[in-house]
Amino acid sequence: MNFGIFLVYFFGLKKNFGGSRKNEKNVSAAQHKKKEDARFQSKNENKSRQSRFVKKKTKGKEKISGLKPLYCAPASKEFRDIYDKGDKFVGRFFVVFVLLGKDRLKIGFVASKKVGKAHSRNRAKRLMREITRANQHLLPSNIYMVLVARKSILGADFVELNRDFVKFAQKFLKKQNEC
C-alpha cells in the first residue's frame, strides 16, 4: 500500500474516529430520533385544557353553603379583648369565649399544640367550624366568639360535639336573657 493512499484512507475517509457513528448502517443498538423543540409547545396545543386559576362564570348569585357572608375571623387585638372581657363557657370538647354587643358575628377557632400535631389541630378546627356552621341559627348576630379546642375533641363523634355546642348555646341564651 502506498503511503499517499494510506493518508487518504486514514485521514480522508475515516475522519470520525472520535465516536460519532452517523454514517454507519449496521449499528446494533436501536437509535431514537430527536424530538424537535421538545420544550416548546405549539400555540394551540393546550387550548382544550382549562386553567385551574380561571374563575368559572355562573349565572346569578352563587349559593353560599358555609357560614354567613358577614362572618369573619377576629383580629389578634379582638382575640385579646374576647379573652379578657368576654364570658367563658367550658364544655367537654371545647371552651367558648363570648363577647356581647359588637357590630356583627365574628368567630375564631383555636387549637393549641396540646391538642396534637398539625393534622390533629387542623381536624379539630374543621370539626368546630362545621359544628358552628350547622348551629349558627342559634347564635345572635352581634357577638364575637372564640372556640378553643380541648384534646378530647379528637375522640368525639359529630353527635357528641353537636350536643355540647347546643348546651353552650342554651347556657349563653339563658344568661343573655337574664341580663
Protein backbone atom coordinates (compact mmCIF):
# COMPACT_ATOMS: atom_id res chain seq x y z
CA MET A 1 0.00 0.00 0.00
CA ASN A 2 1.27 3.39 -0.98
CA PHE A 3 1.82 5.99 1.76
CA GLY A 4 -0.40 8.54 -0.07
CA ILE A 5 -3.24 6.08 -0.37
CA PHE A 6 -2.76 5.30 3.30
CA LEU A 7 -3.05 9.01 4.20
CA VAL A 8 -6.18 9.46 2.09
CA TYR A 9 -7.68 6.33 3.51
CA PHE A 10 -6.65 7.20 7.06
CA PHE A 11 -7.44 10.93 7.03
CA GLY A 12 -9.95 11.30 4.22
CA LEU A 13 -12.42 8.51 4.56
CA LYS A 14 -12.27 7.76 8.27
CA LYS A 15 -12.41 11.23 9.82
CA ASN A 16 -14.72 10.34 12.67
CA PHE A 17 -12.60 8.14 14.91
CA GLY A 18 -13.94 10.01 17.97
CA GLY A 19 -17.19 8.07 18.20
CA SER A 20 -19.91 9.65 16.04
CA ARG A 21 -21.43 6.84 14.04
CA LYS A 22 -23.72 8.81 11.76
CA ASN A 23 -22.66 7.08 8.58
CA GLU A 24 -22.65 3.53 9.91
CA LYS A 25 -25.64 1.46 8.87
CA ASN A 26 -25.20 -1.69 10.94
CA VAL A 27 -25.42 -0.43 14.49
CA SER A 28 -26.75 -2.99 16.97
CA ALA A 29 -28.41 -0.55 19.42
CA ALA A 30 -31.73 0.98 18.43
CA GLN A 31 -31.47 4.64 17.51
CA HIS A 32 -34.07 7.16 18.67
CA LYS A 33 -34.91 10.21 16.64
CA LYS A 34 -34.55 13.54 18.41
CA LYS A 35 -37.74 15.43 19.11
CA GLU A 36 -37.57 18.85 17.60
CA ASP A 37 -38.03 21.62 20.18
CA ALA A 38 -39.36 19.25 22.85
CA ARG A 39 -39.55 22.06 25.41
CA PHE A 40 -41.60 24.47 23.33
CA GLN A 41 -45.28 23.82 22.74
CA SER A 42 -47.30 24.98 19.81
CA LYS A 43 -49.72 27.90 20.19
CA ASN A 44 -52.94 25.88 20.21
CA GLU A 45 -51.70 22.75 21.97
CA ASN A 46 -53.19 23.46 25.42
CA LYS A 47 -56.36 25.34 24.47
CA SER A 48 -58.53 22.37 25.42
CA ARG A 49 -57.00 22.32 28.93
CA GLN A 50 -58.63 24.72 31.40
CA SER A 51 -56.53 26.64 33.85
CA ARG A 52 -57.35 25.93 37.48
CA PHE A 53 -56.98 29.63 38.25
CA VAL A 54 -59.66 30.82 35.85
CA LYS A 55 -62.88 31.68 37.67
CA LYS A 56 -65.86 29.85 36.24
CA LYS A 57 -68.73 32.02 35.12
CA THR A 58 -72.03 31.45 36.91
CA LYS A 59 -75.47 32.88 36.29
CA GLY A 60 -77.00 34.89 39.12
CA LYS A 61 -75.88 34.79 42.72
CA GLU A 62 -73.79 31.90 43.93
CA LYS A 63 -75.24 29.91 46.80
CA ILE A 64 -73.03 30.13 49.88
CA SER A 65 -73.18 26.90 51.81
CA GLY A 66 -70.74 27.88 54.58
CA LEU A 67 -71.04 30.41 57.36
CA LYS A 68 -72.96 33.63 56.87
CA PRO A 69 -71.40 36.05 54.39
CA LEU A 70 -70.87 38.63 57.15
CA TYR A 71 -68.89 36.13 59.22
CA CYS A 72 -65.17 36.80 59.51
CA ALA A 73 -62.42 35.90 61.94
CA PRO A 74 -61.48 38.36 64.68
CA ALA A 75 -58.20 40.26 64.51
CA SER A 76 -55.47 39.49 67.05
CA LYS A 77 -56.39 42.53 69.19
CA GLU A 78 -60.01 41.39 69.20
CA PHE A 79 -58.94 37.93 70.35
CA ARG A 80 -57.31 39.55 73.38
CA ASP A 81 -60.46 41.58 74.11
CA ILE A 82 -62.64 38.47 73.85
CA TYR A 83 -60.39 36.57 76.27
CA ASP A 84 -60.15 39.43 78.77
CA LYS A 85 -63.64 40.98 78.71
CA GLY A 86 -65.82 38.13 77.48
CA ASP A 87 -67.73 35.35 79.19
CA LYS A 88 -66.25 31.86 79.41
CA PHE A 89 -68.21 28.65 78.91
CA VAL A 90 -66.42 25.33 79.49
CA GLY A 91 -67.61 22.21 77.73
CA ARG A 92 -66.32 18.67 77.37
CA PHE A 93 -64.74 19.24 73.95
CA PHE A 94 -64.07 22.98 73.72
CA VAL A 95 -64.01 26.18 75.72
CA VAL A 96 -66.05 29.09 74.35
CA PHE A 97 -65.28 32.76 74.97
CA VAL A 98 -68.07 35.19 74.03
CA LEU A 99 -68.11 38.99 73.94
CA LEU A 100 -71.51 40.67 73.52
CA GLY A 101 -72.60 43.94 71.96
CA LYS A 102 -70.49 44.03 68.83
CA ASP A 103 -71.42 45.11 65.33
CA ARG A 104 -71.51 41.68 63.68
CA LEU A 105 -70.78 37.98 64.13
CA LYS A 106 -67.10 37.10 64.28
CA ILE A 107 -65.93 33.60 65.17
CA GLY A 108 -62.38 32.40 65.80
CA PHE A 109 -61.20 28.81 66.11
CA VAL A 110 -58.11 27.92 68.16
CA ALA A 111 -56.35 24.59 68.64
CA SER A 112 -53.12 24.73 70.63
CA LYS A 113 -50.27 22.25 70.49
CA LYS A 114 -51.79 20.48 73.49
CA VAL A 115 -54.39 19.07 71.07
CA GLY A 116 -51.74 17.32 69.00
CA LYS A 117 -49.69 17.68 65.85
CA ALA A 118 -50.69 19.87 62.92
CA HIS A 119 -53.04 17.38 61.27
CA SER A 120 -54.87 16.86 64.59
CA ARG A 121 -55.17 20.59 65.20
CA ASN A 122 -56.49 21.14 61.68
CA ARG A 123 -59.07 18.38 62.16
CA ALA A 124 -60.17 19.90 65.47
CA LYS A 125 -60.63 23.31 63.84
CA ARG A 126 -62.54 21.75 60.94
CA LEU A 127 -64.87 19.99 63.38
CA MET A 128 -65.50 23.20 65.34
CA ARG A 129 -66.10 25.14 62.13
CA GLU A 130 -68.65 22.58 60.94
CA ILE A 131 -70.45 22.48 64.31
CA THR A 132 -70.66 26.28 64.27
CA ARG A 133 -71.91 26.33 60.69
CA ALA A 134 -74.59 23.74 61.42
CA ASN A 135 -75.84 25.60 64.53
CA GLN A 136 -75.29 29.20 63.54
CA HIS A 137 -79.04 29.84 63.64
CA LEU A 138 -78.78 29.54 67.44
CA LEU A 139 -76.27 32.40 67.70
CA PRO A 140 -77.13 36.10 67.79
CA SER A 141 -75.58 38.25 65.08
CA ASN A 142 -73.90 40.77 67.41
CA ILE A 143 -71.23 38.71 69.19
CA TYR A 144 -67.55 37.92 68.93
CA MET A 145 -66.80 34.31 69.78
CA VAL A 146 -63.66 32.17 70.12
CA LEU A 147 -63.79 28.38 70.36
CA VAL A 148 -60.70 26.76 71.90
CA ALA A 149 -60.36 23.03 71.27
CA ARG A 150 -59.62 20.56 74.05
CA LYS A 151 -57.74 17.31 73.46
CA SER A 152 -60.92 15.25 73.92
CA ILE A 153 -62.36 16.70 70.67
CA LEU A 154 -60.33 14.25 68.58
CA GLY A 155 -62.05 11.18 70.05
CA ALA A 156 -65.57 12.57 69.86
CA ASP A 157 -68.09 11.95 67.13
CA PHE A 158 -70.18 14.65 65.47
CA VAL A 159 -73.33 13.98 67.53
CA GLU A 160 -71.49 14.49 70.84
CA LEU A 161 -69.87 17.69 69.57
CA ASN A 162 -73.21 18.98 68.35
CA ARG A 163 -74.84 18.21 71.72
CA ASP A 164 -72.03 20.06 73.55
CA PHE A 165 -72.38 23.13 71.29
CA VAL A 166 -76.17 23.20 71.73
CA LYS A 167 -75.70 23.08 75.54
CA PHE A 168 -73.35 26.06 75.25
CA ALA A 169 -75.85 27.97 73.09
CA GLN A 170 -78.64 27.30 75.60
CA LYS A 171 -76.48 28.47 78.55
CA PHE A 172 -75.44 31.55 76.62
CA LEU A 173 -79.01 32.49 75.59
CA LYS A 174 -80.25 31.90 79.14
CA LYS A 175 -77.54 34.18 80.54
CA GLN A 176 -78.24 36.80 77.87
CA ASN A 177 -81.96 36.83 78.70
CA GLU A 178 -81.21 37.30 82.40
CA CYS A 179 -79.16 40.44 81.75
